[in-house]
Amino acid sequence: MAHPEGTADPARQPHIVVHSPALDGSRRVTEGEETLGIATHADDVAEILRLADLYVTDVEGSELIEWQGGGPDDWPGLSEHHEPPAADTTEDVERLRNPQINL
């Protein structure tokens, strides 16, 4: 039997909090006093909730989730596509490859 968004037990309405970002950009996900996991992206929040049997189909728009310190698009300090600075010369390229070389 399918249950409404939230849990396998429709009588239980969880209060899920995605806490403010840590210095590295990760965010703690809790239900009440219990830490469910650490997320680095909204997709992680959905997976953490799924593993806790809290089936939230829309983590970004669910009323069951309280986003603290920013919404589902706020993950400061994290970058999925970090690119190194551009190198202009062969010497710059060598410095990027071997950071032990003194500037």
Protein backbone atom coordinates (compact mmCIF):
# COMPACT_ATOMS: atom_id res chain seq x y z
CA MET A 1 0.00 0.00 0.00
CA ALA A 2 1.38 3.40 -0.96
CA HIS A 3 1.57 6.05 1.74
CA PRO A 4 1.56 9.81 1.34
CA GLU A 5 4.82 11.69 1.10
CA GLY A 6 6.81 11.46 4.31
CA THR A 7 6.97 7.99 5.79
CA ALA A 8 5.98 4.37 5.57
CA ASP A 9 3.72 5.14 8.56
CA PRO A 10 1.18 7.81 7.54
CA ALA A 11 0.40 8.67 11.19
CA ARG A 12 3.99 9.82 11.70
CA GLN A 13 4.80 13.33 10.48
CA PRO A 14 8.56 13.89 10.84
CA HIS A 15 10.21 17.24 11.36
CA ILE A 16 13.30 17.12 9.17
CA VAL A 17 15.92 19.85 9.42
CA VAL A 18 18.70 20.50 6.92
CA HIS A 19 21.04 22.58 9.04
CA SER A 20 23.16 25.58 8.05
CA PRO A 21 26.23 24.74 5.96
CA ALA A 22 29.43 23.80 7.76
CA LEU A 23 32.72 25.43 6.75
CA ASP A 24 33.20 22.81 4.04
CA GLY A 25 29.66 23.42 2.72
CA SER A 26 28.21 20.12 3.94
CA ARG A 27 24.92 20.17 5.81
CA ARG A 28 23.70 17.94 8.66
CA VAL A 29 20.26 16.36 8.20
CA THR A 30 18.28 15.58 11.35
CA GLU A 31 14.89 14.30 12.40
CA GLY A 32 14.24 15.53 15.91
CA GLU A 33 17.40 14.88 17.93
CA GLU A 34 18.68 12.15 15.59
CA THR A 35 21.30 12.92 12.96
CA LEU A 36 20.34 11.05 9.80
CA GLY A 37 23.40 11.97 7.77
CA ILE A 38 25.58 14.61 6.18
CA ALA A 39 24.62 15.99 2.78
CA THR A 40 26.69 17.79 0.18
CA HIS A 41 23.84 18.26 -2.31
CA ALA A 42 20.03 18.19 -2.36
CA ASP A 43 20.22 14.72 -3.95
CA ASP A 44 22.09 13.54 -0.84
CA VAL A 45 19.22 14.82 1.32
CA ALA A 46 16.75 12.71 -0.68
CA GLU A 47 18.97 9.62 -0.34
CA ILE A 48 19.50 10.14 3.40
CA LEU A 49 15.75 10.40 3.89
CA ARG A 50 15.10 7.33 1.74
CA LEU A 51 17.57 5.29 3.83
CA ALA A 52 15.71 6.44 6.96
CA ASP A 53 12.38 5.24 5.45
CA LEU A 54 11.26 8.85 5.03
CA TYR A 55 10.12 8.93 1.43
CA VAL A 56 10.06 12.60 0.48
CA THR A 57 9.55 12.90 -3.26
CA ASP A 58 10.35 16.62 -3.51
CA VAL A 59 13.01 17.66 -0.99
CA GLU A 60 13.13 21.18 -2.40
CA GLY A 61 9.41 21.86 -2.00
CA SER A 62 8.35 19.61 0.87
CA GLU A 63 6.71 21.15 3.90
CA LEU A 64 8.25 18.35 5.98
CA ILE A 65 11.75 19.82 5.54
CA GLU A 66 13.04 22.95 7.26
CA TRP A 67 16.06 24.44 5.46
CA GLN A 68 18.23 26.48 7.84
CA GLY A 69 20.93 28.88 6.66
CA GLY A 70 19.84 28.73 3.03
CA GLY A 71 17.65 26.70 0.75
CA PRO A 72 18.24 23.56 -1.29
CA ASP A 73 20.45 25.43 -3.77
CA ASP A 74 22.82 26.81 -1.09
CA TRP A 75 25.94 24.69 -0.66
CA PRO A 76 28.71 27.27 -0.12
CA GLY A 77 32.25 26.01 -0.14
CA LEU A 78 31.41 23.07 -2.39
CA SER A 79 31.95 22.96 -6.11
CA GLU A 80 31.19 19.97 -8.29
CA HIS A 81 33.25 21.32 -11.18
CA HIS A 82 36.30 22.90 -9.59
CA GLU A 83 38.71 24.04 -12.26
CA PRO A 84 42.32 24.94 -11.53
CA PRO A 85 43.50 28.41 -12.49
CA ALA A 86 44.52 28.82 -16.09
CA ALA A 87 48.24 28.54 -16.79
CA ASP A 88 49.82 31.02 -19.17
CA THR A 89 53.29 29.60 -19.53
CA THR A 90 55.12 26.30 -19.36
CA GLU A 91 56.51 27.40 -15.99
CA ASP A 92 52.96 28.05 -14.71
CA VAL A 93 51.86 24.62 -15.91
CA GLU A 94 54.79 23.01 -14.08
CA ARG A 95 53.89 24.88 -10.85
CA LEU A 96 50.30 23.61 -11.09
CA ARG A 97 51.50 20.03 -11.59
CA ASN A 98 54.12 20.17 -8.83
CA PRO A 99 53.16 22.51 -5.99
CA GLN A 100 56.51 21.86 -4.23
CA ILE A 101 58.24 24.12 -6.75
CA ASN A 102 58.96 27.44 -5.08
CA LEU A 103 57.44 30.49 -6.61
